[in-house]
Amino acid sequence: MNDLIQEIEPKSVTLETINKYPKEYKELVIRQLMVHAEGELSGADDYIQLFYPLTNDLEEKRICCELAIDELNHYERAALLLRELGQDTSFMLAQKLEERSMYATEGVKECSSWAERALISYLLEAAVVEILKEMADSSYKPLADMCPLVIKEENLHIAHGYRITREMCSEAKGKKEIQLALERMWPVTLDSFGTSNSKRSLLYKKWGLRKYSNQEARENFIAITKPKLEKLGLNVPSNSENRKFI
């Protein structure tokens, strides 16, 4: 087993060879894909159920629908990989948003303003992309091969959220709304990386399914994102205040 761990490299494990590895490896791949699939499906629901009703602008309503389709496509790609591994995900399609628990989005479900909608796309989807970048170098080749297109499309979502944020920050009233939204969404975003002492994230690293622990990924995200928010004239909240998963 130790030799297998030492030799494991990005994209070195395929569907045909996965059963040569310990059971733990396949279980972790399935868990990682299940969380991703649920998150993408919930993302589609977020755009339609939560964000769409927050605007009366025709173009923004259209964009909500278009981005929801992207999220559904991302779910479908993950579901296909899981089906190949013998894992059915069709039950997720019958679940209501509040019934999904693998990828917790309690803070997103409470979205009540267009400013929060902007930051969810800009910050939370950027947090997701940081994890997807790690998965793009996964030792499990089918998972790694899935990620580049998903990242490309998610980056468009992030750019749209940033554009709304930037435009709102160009006016005093809008900037105040964004700052208020940031107070709530910053800890929610940092919590989305999971607990700092997660044993599973260390197992992902062990098997080449991720590069960083939850805390390392969170710190990388803060280093990238905080200067961008400050450049917009925003005051970034404490990294520990109002957090649920320290």
C-alpha atoms as a PDB file:
ATOM      1  CA  MET A   1       0.000   0.000   0.000  1.00  0.00           C
ATOM      2  CA  ASN A   2       2.796   2.443   0.883  1.00  0.00           C
ATOM      3  CA  ASP A   3       4.412   1.878  -2.506  1.00  0.00           C
ATOM      4  CA  LEU A   4       1.118   2.746  -4.198  1.00  0.00           C
ATOM      5  CA  ILE A   5       0.885   5.998  -2.237  1.00  0.00           C
ATOM      6  CA  GLN A   6       4.468   6.951  -3.056  1.00  0.00           C
ATOM      7  CA  GLU A   7       3.987   6.277  -6.749  1.00  0.00           C
ATOM      8  CA  ILE A   8       0.626   7.969  -7.183  1.00  0.00           C
ATOM      9  CA  GLU A   9       0.805  10.931  -9.557  1.00  0.00           C
ATOM     10  CA  PRO A  10      -1.703  13.314 -11.195  1.00  0.00           C
ATOM     11  CA  LYS A  11      -4.026  11.507 -13.612  1.00  0.00           C
ATOM     12  CA  SER A  12      -2.340   8.172 -12.922  1.00  0.00           C
ATOM     13  CA  VAL A  13      -5.494   6.292 -11.840  1.00  0.00           C
ATOM     14  CA  THR A  14      -8.209   5.401 -14.336  1.00  0.00           C
ATOM     15  CA  LEU A  15     -11.611   3.739 -14.132  1.00  0.00           C
ATOM     16  CA  GLU A  16      -9.939   0.530 -15.285  1.00  0.00           C
ATOM     17  CA  THR A  17      -7.219   0.630 -12.614  1.00  0.00           C
ATOM     18  CA  ILE A  18      -9.019   2.155  -9.605  1.00  0.00           C
ATOM     19  CA  ASN A  19      -9.806  -1.235  -8.058  1.00  0.00           C
ATOM     20  CA  LYS A  20      -6.085  -1.992  -7.839  1.00  0.00           C
ATOM     21  CA  TYR A  21      -5.903   0.614  -5.084  1.00  0.00           C
ATOM     22  CA  PRO A  22      -7.127   0.185  -1.502  1.00  0.00           C
ATOM     23  CA  LYS A  23     -10.868   0.528  -0.926  1.00  0.00           C
ATOM     24  CA  GLU A  24     -10.247   3.836   0.853  1.00  0.00           C
ATOM     25  CA  TYR A  25      -9.133   5.453  -2.396  1.00  0.00           C
ATOM     26  CA  LYS A  26     -12.313   4.655  -4.318  1.00  0.00           C
ATOM     27  CA  GLU A  27     -14.473   5.671  -1.354  1.00  0.00           C
ATOM     28  CA  LEU A  28     -12.745   9.060  -1.233  1.00  0.00           C
ATOM     29  CA  VAL A  29     -13.157   9.605  -4.979  1.00  0.00           C
ATOM     30  CA  ILE A  30     -16.865   8.822  -4.692  1.00  0.00           C
ATOM     31  CA  ARG A  31     -17.271  11.092  -1.669  1.00  0.00           C
ATOM     32  CA  GLN A  32     -15.482  13.958  -3.422  1.00  0.00           C
ATOM     33  CA  LEU A  33     -17.608  13.605  -6.538  1.00  0.00           C
ATOM     34  CA  MET A  34     -20.828  13.267  -4.525  1.00  0.00           C
ATOM     35  CA  VAL A  35     -20.149  16.515  -2.683  1.00  0.00           C
ATOM     36  CA  HIS A  36     -19.316  18.236  -5.955  1.00  0.00           C
ATOM     37  CA  ALA A  37     -22.419  16.886  -7.703  1.00  0.00           C
ATOM     38  CA  GLU A  38     -24.715  17.993  -4.899  1.00  0.00           C
ATOM     39  CA  GLY A  39     -23.080  21.418  -4.743  1.00  0.00           C
ATOM     40  CA  GLU A  40     -23.557  21.989  -8.464  1.00  0.00           C
ATOM     41  CA  LEU A  41     -27.188  20.887  -8.341  1.00  0.00           C
ATOM     42  CA  SER A  42     -27.829  23.174  -5.390  1.00  0.00           C
ATOM     43  CA  GLY A  43     -26.112  25.955  -7.341  1.00  0.00           C
ATOM     44  CA  ALA A  44     -28.703  25.578 -10.093  1.00  0.00           C
ATOM     45  CA  ASP A  45     -31.483  25.829  -7.523  1.00  0.00           C
ATOM     46  CA  ASP A  46     -29.830  28.898  -5.979  1.00  0.00           C
ATOM     47  CA  TYR A  47     -29.913  30.763  -9.276  1.00  0.00           C
ATOM     48  CA  ILE A  48     -33.558  29.917  -9.986  1.00  0.00           C
ATOM     49  CA  GLN A  49     -35.143  29.794  -6.543  1.00  0.00           C
ATOM     50  CA  LEU A  50     -33.119  32.451  -4.714  1.00  0.00           C
ATOM     51  CA  PHE A  51     -31.507  34.870  -7.154  1.00  0.00           C
ATOM     52  CA  TYR A  52     -34.045  35.036  -9.997  1.00  0.00           C
ATOM     53  CA  PRO A  53     -36.808  36.546  -7.811  1.00  0.00           C
ATOM     54  CA  LEU A  54     -34.459  39.248  -6.472  1.00  0.00           C
ATOM     55  CA  THR A  55     -34.347  41.220  -9.729  1.00  0.00           C
ATOM     56  CA  ASN A  56     -36.847  42.755 -12.141  1.00  0.00           C
ATOM     57  CA  ASP A  57     -34.152  43.296 -14.768  1.00  0.00           C
ATOM     58  CA  LEU A  58     -34.878  41.104 -17.813  1.00  0.00           C
ATOM     59  CA  GLU A  59     -31.203  40.540 -18.693  1.00  0.00           C
ATOM     60  CA  GLU A  60     -30.290  39.593 -15.132  1.00  0.00           C
ATOM     61  CA  LYS A  61     -33.196  37.134 -15.000  1.00  0.00           C
ATOM     62  CA  ARG A  62     -31.957  35.625 -18.268  1.00  0.00           C
ATOM     63  CA  ILE A  63     -28.426  35.323 -16.866  1.00  0.00           C
ATOM     64  CA  CYS A  64     -29.764  33.557 -13.777  1.00  0.00           C
ATOM     65  CA  CYS A  65     -31.372  30.969 -16.054  1.00  0.00           C
ATOM     66  CA  GLU A  66     -28.250  30.579 -18.181  1.00  0.00           C
ATOM     67  CA  LEU A  67     -25.968  30.102 -15.177  1.00  0.00           C
ATOM     68  CA  ALA A  68     -28.401  27.617 -13.665  1.00  0.00           C
ATOM     69  CA  ILE A  69     -28.057  25.552 -16.851  1.00  0.00           C
ATOM     70  CA  ASP A  70     -24.272  25.632 -16.456  1.00  0.00           C
ATOM     71  CA  GLU A  71     -24.635  24.298 -12.917  1.00  0.00           C
ATOM     72  CA  LEU A  72     -26.954  21.514 -14.094  1.00  0.00           C
ATOM     73  CA  ASN A  73     -24.410  20.544 -16.737  1.00  0.00           C
ATOM     74  CA  HIS A  74     -21.699  20.421 -14.080  1.00  0.00           C
ATOM     75  CA  TYR A  75     -23.879  18.145 -11.965  1.00  0.00           C
ATOM     76  CA  GLU A  76     -24.477  15.902 -14.982  1.00  0.00           C
ATOM     77  CA  ARG A  77     -20.750  15.507 -15.664  1.00  0.00           C
ATOM     78  CA  ALA A  78     -20.085  14.504 -12.051  1.00  0.00           C
ATOM     79  CA  ALA A  79     -23.115  12.182 -12.047  1.00  0.00           C
ATOM     80  CA  LEU A  80     -21.740  10.385 -15.120  1.00  0.00           C
ATOM     81  CA  LEU A  81     -18.390   9.735 -13.424  1.00  0.00           C
ATOM     82  CA  LEU A  82     -20.199   8.478 -10.346  1.00  0.00           C
ATOM     83  CA  ARG A  83     -22.404   6.190 -12.404  1.00  0.00           C
ATOM     84  CA  GLU A  84     -19.251   4.643 -13.872  1.00  0.00           C
ATOM     85  CA  LEU A  85     -18.132   3.968 -10.297  1.00  0.00           C
ATOM     86  CA  GLY A  86     -21.450   2.320  -9.450  1.00  0.00           C
ATOM     87  CA  GLN A  87     -22.899   5.268  -7.531  1.00  0.00           C
ATOM     88  CA  ASP A  88     -26.385   6.565  -8.408  1.00  0.00           C
ATOM     89  CA  THR A  89     -27.141  10.269  -7.871  1.00  0.00           C
ATOM     90  CA  SER A  90     -30.647  10.463  -9.340  1.00  0.00           C
ATOM     91  CA  PHE A  91     -32.125  10.806  -5.849  1.00  0.00           C
ATOM     92  CA  MET A  92     -30.584  14.287  -5.664  1.00  0.00           C
ATOM     93  CA  LEU A  93     -32.881  15.464  -8.436  1.00  0.00           C
ATOM     94  CA  ALA A  94     -35.906  14.721  -6.266  1.00  0.00           C
ATOM     95  CA  GLN A  95     -34.517  16.543  -3.228  1.00  0.00           C
ATOM     96  CA  LYS A  96     -35.498  20.042  -2.256  1.00  0.00           C
ATOM     97  CA  LEU A  97     -32.708  22.540  -1.740  1.00  0.00           C
ATOM     98  CA  GLU A  98     -33.054  22.410   2.038  1.00  0.00           C
ATOM     99  CA  GLU A  99     -32.847  18.601   2.028  1.00  0.00           C
ATOM    100  CA  ARG A 100     -29.295  18.479   0.688  1.00  0.00           C
ATOM    101  CA  SER A 101     -26.621  18.274   3.353  1.00  0.00           C
ATOM    102  CA  MET A 102     -23.350  17.018   1.831  1.00  0.00           C
ATOM    103  CA  TYR A 103     -22.438  20.477   0.567  1.00  0.00           C
ATOM    104  CA  ALA A 104     -23.824  22.770   3.266  1.00  0.00           C
ATOM    105  CA  THR A 105     -25.073  26.124   1.954  1.00  0.00           C
ATOM    106  CA  GLU A 106     -27.099  27.455   4.879  1.00  0.00           C
ATOM    107  CA  GLY A 107     -25.666  30.947   4.408  1.00  0.00           C
ATOM    108  CA  VAL A 108     -26.620  30.949   0.740  1.00  0.00           C
ATOM    109  CA  LYS A 109     -30.174  29.840   1.452  1.00  0.00           C
ATOM    110  CA  GLU A 110     -30.619  33.011   3.515  1.00  0.00           C
ATOM    111  CA  CYS A 111     -29.731  35.264   0.575  1.00  0.00           C
ATOM    112  CA  SER A 112     -32.141  38.207   0.635  1.00  0.00           C
ATOM    113  CA  SER A 113     -30.514  41.012  -1.376  1.00  0.00           C
ATOM    114  CA  TRP A 114     -28.955  41.613  -4.781  1.00  0.00           C
ATOM    115  CA  ALA A 115     -25.707  42.589  -3.057  1.00  0.00           C
ATOM    116  CA  GLU A 116     -25.554  39.197  -1.357  1.00  0.00           C
ATOM    117  CA  ARG A 117     -26.377  37.520  -4.672  1.00  0.00           C
ATOM    118  CA  ALA A 118     -23.409  39.353  -6.233  1.00  0.00           C
ATOM    119  CA  LEU A 119     -21.015  38.217  -3.511  1.00  0.00           C
ATOM    120  CA  ILE A 120     -22.237  34.626  -3.611  1.00  0.00           C
ATOM    121  CA  SER A 121     -21.270  34.436  -7.289  1.00  0.00           C
ATOM    122  CA  TYR A 122     -18.070  36.426  -6.794  1.00  0.00           C
ATOM    123  CA  LEU A 123     -16.784  34.911  -3.544  1.00  0.00           C
ATOM    124  CA  LEU A 124     -18.406  31.532  -2.983  1.00  0.00           C
ATOM    125  CA  GLU A 125     -18.012  30.371  -6.553  1.00  0.00           C
ATOM    126  CA  ALA A 126     -14.399  31.575  -6.445  1.00  0.00           C
ATOM    127  CA  ALA A 127     -13.898  29.405  -3.358  1.00  0.00           C
ATOM    128  CA  VAL A 128     -15.311  26.457  -5.292  1.00  0.00           C
ATOM    129  CA  VAL A 129     -12.939  27.143  -8.173  1.00  0.00           C
ATOM    130  CA  GLU A 130      -9.941  27.046  -5.842  1.00  0.00           C
ATOM    131  CA  ILE A 131     -10.911  23.489  -4.885  1.00  0.00           C
ATOM    132  CA  LEU A 132     -11.611  22.599  -8.519  1.00  0.00           C
ATOM    133  CA  LYS A 133      -8.105  23.759  -9.453  1.00  0.00           C
ATOM    134  CA  GLU A 134      -6.738  21.207  -7.004  1.00  0.00           C
ATOM    135  CA  MET A 135      -9.033  18.542  -8.436  1.00  0.00           C
ATOM    136  CA  ALA A 136      -7.777  19.363 -11.949  1.00  0.00           C
ATOM    137  CA  ASP A 137      -4.510  17.730 -10.865  1.00  0.00           C
ATOM    138  CA  SER A 138      -6.262  14.795  -9.212  1.00  0.00           C
ATOM    139  CA  SER A 139      -4.670  11.391  -9.260  1.00  0.00           C
ATOM    140  CA  TYR A 140      -8.008  10.084 -10.575  1.00  0.00           C
ATOM    141  CA  LYS A 141      -7.842  10.947 -14.266  1.00  0.00           C
ATOM    142  CA  PRO A 142     -11.590  11.061 -15.071  1.00  0.00           C
ATOM    143  CA  LEU A 143     -12.110  13.574 -12.249  1.00  0.00           C
ATOM    144  CA  ALA A 144      -9.130  15.674 -13.328  1.00  0.00           C
ATOM    145  CA  ASP A 145     -10.285  15.671 -16.948  1.00  0.00           C
ATOM    146  CA  MET A 146     -13.748  16.886 -15.898  1.00  0.00           C
ATOM    147  CA  CYS A 147     -12.470  20.017 -14.173  1.00  0.00           C
ATOM    148  CA  PRO A 148     -11.057  22.400 -16.850  1.00  0.00           C
ATOM    149  CA  LEU A 149     -14.390  23.042 -18.588  1.00  0.00           C
ATOM    150  CA  VAL A 150     -16.188  23.386 -15.252  1.00  0.00           C
ATOM    151  CA  ILE A 151     -13.546  25.876 -14.079  1.00  0.00           C
ATOM    152  CA  LYS A 152     -13.871  27.868 -17.305  1.00  0.00           C
ATOM    153  CA  GLU A 153     -17.630  28.180 -16.898  1.00  0.00           C
ATOM    154  CA  GLU A 154     -17.451  28.886 -13.177  1.00  0.00           C
ATOM    155  CA  ASN A 155     -14.986  31.703 -13.894  1.00  0.00           C
ATOM    156  CA  LEU A 156     -17.677  33.344 -16.018  1.00  0.00           C
ATOM    157  CA  HIS A 157     -20.045  33.156 -13.035  1.00  0.00           C
ATOM    158  CA  ILE A 158     -17.390  34.727 -10.830  1.00  0.00           C
ATOM    159  CA  ALA A 159     -16.758  37.494 -13.351  1.00  0.00           C
ATOM    160  CA  HIS A 160     -20.458  38.302 -13.457  1.00  0.00           C
ATOM    161  CA  GLY A 161     -20.646  38.460  -9.665  1.00  0.00           C
ATOM    162  CA  TYR A 162     -17.581  40.692  -9.615  1.00  0.00           C
ATOM    163  CA  ARG A 163     -19.094  43.009 -12.231  1.00  0.00           C
ATOM    164  CA  ILE A 164     -22.239  43.485 -10.158  1.00  0.00           C
ATOM    165  CA  THR A 165     -20.105  44.059  -7.055  1.00  0.00           C
ATOM    166  CA  ARG A 166     -17.850  46.591  -8.816  1.00  0.00           C
ATOM    167  CA  GLU A 167     -20.785  48.496 -10.313  1.00  0.00           C
ATOM    168  CA  MET A 168     -22.565  48.693  -6.973  1.00  0.00           C
ATOM    169  CA  CYS A 169     -19.357  49.889  -5.306  1.00  0.00           C
ATOM    170  CA  SER A 170     -19.134  52.783  -7.784  1.00  0.00           C
ATOM    171  CA  GLU A 171     -22.009  54.516  -5.974  1.00  0.00           C
ATOM    172  CA  ALA A 172     -22.235  55.322  -2.260  1.00  0.00           C
ATOM    173  CA  LYS A 173     -25.570  53.562  -1.733  1.00  0.00           C
ATOM    174  CA  GLY A 174     -24.508  50.445  -3.587  1.00  0.00           C
ATOM    175  CA  LYS A 175     -21.140  50.311  -1.841  1.00  0.00           C
ATOM    176  CA  LYS A 176     -22.882  50.473   1.526  1.00  0.00           C
ATOM    177  CA  GLU A 177     -25.104  47.555   0.493  1.00  0.00           C
ATOM    178  CA  ILE A 178     -22.113  45.516  -0.651  1.00  0.00           C
ATOM    179  CA  GLN A 179     -20.217  46.254   2.567  1.00  0.00           C
ATOM    180  CA  LEU A 180     -23.201  45.105   4.616  1.00  0.00           C
ATOM    181  CA  ALA A 181     -23.493  41.960   2.496  1.00  0.00           C
ATOM    182  CA  LEU A 182     -19.771  41.307   2.862  1.00  0.00           C
ATOM    183  CA  GLU A 183     -20.092  41.296   6.649  1.00  0.00           C
ATOM    184  CA  ARG A 184     -22.358  38.259   6.328  1.00  0.00           C
ATOM    185  CA  MET A 185     -20.919  36.546   3.274  1.00  0.00           C
ATOM    186  CA  TRP A 186     -17.199  36.658   4.153  1.00  0.00           C
ATOM    187  CA  PRO A 187     -17.476  34.171   7.066  1.00  0.00           C
ATOM    188  CA  VAL A 188     -19.929  32.069   5.045  1.00  0.00           C
ATOM    189  CA  THR A 189     -17.384  31.895   2.221  1.00  0.00           C
ATOM    190  CA  LEU A 190     -14.501  30.971   4.513  1.00  0.00           C
ATOM    191  CA  ASP A 191     -16.642  28.296   6.143  1.00  0.00           C
ATOM    192  CA  SER A 192     -17.291  26.750   2.727  1.00  0.00           C
ATOM    193  CA  PHE A 193     -13.761  25.277   2.801  1.00  0.00           C
ATOM    194  CA  GLY A 194     -14.743  23.111   5.776  1.00  0.00           C
ATOM    195  CA  THR A 195     -13.139  22.562   9.167  1.00  0.00           C
ATOM    196  CA  SER A 196      -9.437  23.206   9.599  1.00  0.00           C
ATOM    197  CA  ASN A 197      -8.875  19.857  11.344  1.00  0.00           C
ATOM    198  CA  SER A 198     -10.725  17.783   8.738  1.00  0.00           C
ATOM    199  CA  LYS A 199      -9.256  14.281   8.611  1.00  0.00           C
ATOM    200  CA  ARG A 200     -10.853  13.676   5.219  1.00  0.00           C
ATOM    201  CA  SER A 201      -9.018  16.612   3.611  1.00  0.00           C
ATOM    202  CA  LEU A 202      -5.746  15.082   4.795  1.00  0.00           C
ATOM    203  CA  LEU A 203      -6.745  11.758   3.245  1.00  0.00           C
ATOM    204  CA  TYR A 204      -7.468  13.570  -0.027  1.00  0.00           C
ATOM    205  CA  LYS A 205      -3.917  14.932   0.103  1.00  0.00           C
ATOM    206  CA  LYS A 206      -2.520  11.519   0.947  1.00  0.00           C
ATOM    207  CA  TRP A 207      -4.062   9.984  -2.179  1.00  0.00           C
ATOM    208  CA  GLY A 208      -3.333  12.882  -4.536  1.00  0.00           C
ATOM    209  CA  LEU A 209      -6.996  13.915  -4.790  1.00  0.00           C
ATOM    210  CA  ARG A 210      -6.203  17.376  -3.441  1.00  0.00           C
ATOM    211  CA  LYS A 211      -3.044  19.439  -2.947  1.00  0.00           C
ATOM    212  CA  TYR A 212      -4.010  21.334   0.194  1.00  0.00           C
ATOM    213  CA  SER A 213      -5.775  20.825   3.484  1.00  0.00           C
ATOM    214  CA  ASN A 214      -8.966  22.817   4.116  1.00  0.00           C
ATOM    215  CA  GLN A 215      -7.055  25.431   6.103  1.00  0.00           C
ATOM    216  CA  GLU A 216      -4.311  25.747   3.495  1.00  0.00           C
ATOM    217  CA  ALA A 217      -6.897  26.205   0.739  1.00  0.00           C
ATOM    218  CA  ARG A 218      -8.732  28.786   2.846  1.00  0.00           C
ATOM    219  CA  GLU A 219      -5.530  30.752   3.469  1.00  0.00           C
ATOM    220  CA  ASN A 220      -4.682  30.688  -0.239  1.00  0.00           C
ATOM    221  CA  PHE A 221      -8.152  32.031  -1.053  1.00  0.00           C
ATOM    222  CA  ILE A 222      -7.844  34.846   1.506  1.00  0.00           C
ATOM    223  CA  ALA A 223      -4.460  35.875   0.116  1.00  0.00           C
ATOM    224  CA  ILE A 224      -5.876  36.063  -3.417  1.00  0.00           C
ATOM    225  CA  THR A 225      -9.246  37.625  -2.656  1.00  0.00           C
ATOM    226  CA  LYS A 226      -8.783  40.095   0.193  1.00  0.00           C
ATOM    227  CA  PRO A 227      -6.639  42.570  -1.837  1.00  0.00           C
ATOM    228  CA  LYS A 228      -9.251  42.575  -4.629  1.00  0.00           C
ATOM    229  CA  LEU A 229     -12.019  43.483  -2.182  1.00  0.00           C
ATOM    230  CA  GLU A 230      -9.874  46.167  -0.578  1.00  0.00           C
ATOM    231  CA  LYS A 231      -9.144  47.629  -4.015  1.00  0.00           C
ATOM    232  CA  LEU A 232     -12.900  48.215  -4.337  1.00  0.00           C
ATOM    233  CA  GLY A 233     -12.743  50.242  -1.125  1.00  0.00           C
ATOM    234  CA  LEU A 234     -14.339  47.545   1.019  1.00  0.00           C
ATOM    235  CA  ASN A 235     -13.399  46.660   4.580  1.00  0.00           C
ATOM    236  CA  VAL A 236     -12.836  42.912   4.772  1.00  0.00           C
ATOM    237  CA  PRO A 237     -14.150  41.420   8.034  1.00  0.00           C
ATOM    238  CA  SER A 238     -12.093  39.363  10.434  1.00  0.00           C
ATOM    239  CA  ASN A 239     -11.202  35.887   9.213  1.00  0.00           C
ATOM    240  CA  SER A 240     -12.455  34.351  12.467  1.00  0.00           C
ATOM    241  CA  GLU A 241     -15.521  36.393  13.447  1.00  0.00           C
ATOM    242  CA  ASN A 242     -18.950  34.750  12.934  1.00  0.00           C
ATOM    243  CA  ARG A 243     -17.365  31.553  11.657  1.00  0.00           C
ATOM    244  CA  LYS A 244     -18.994  28.153  12.199  1.00  0.00           C
ATOM    245  CA  PHE A 245     -16.169  25.913  10.993  1.00  0.00           C
ATOM    246  CA  ILE A 246     -12.858  27.066  12.476  1.00  0.00           C
END
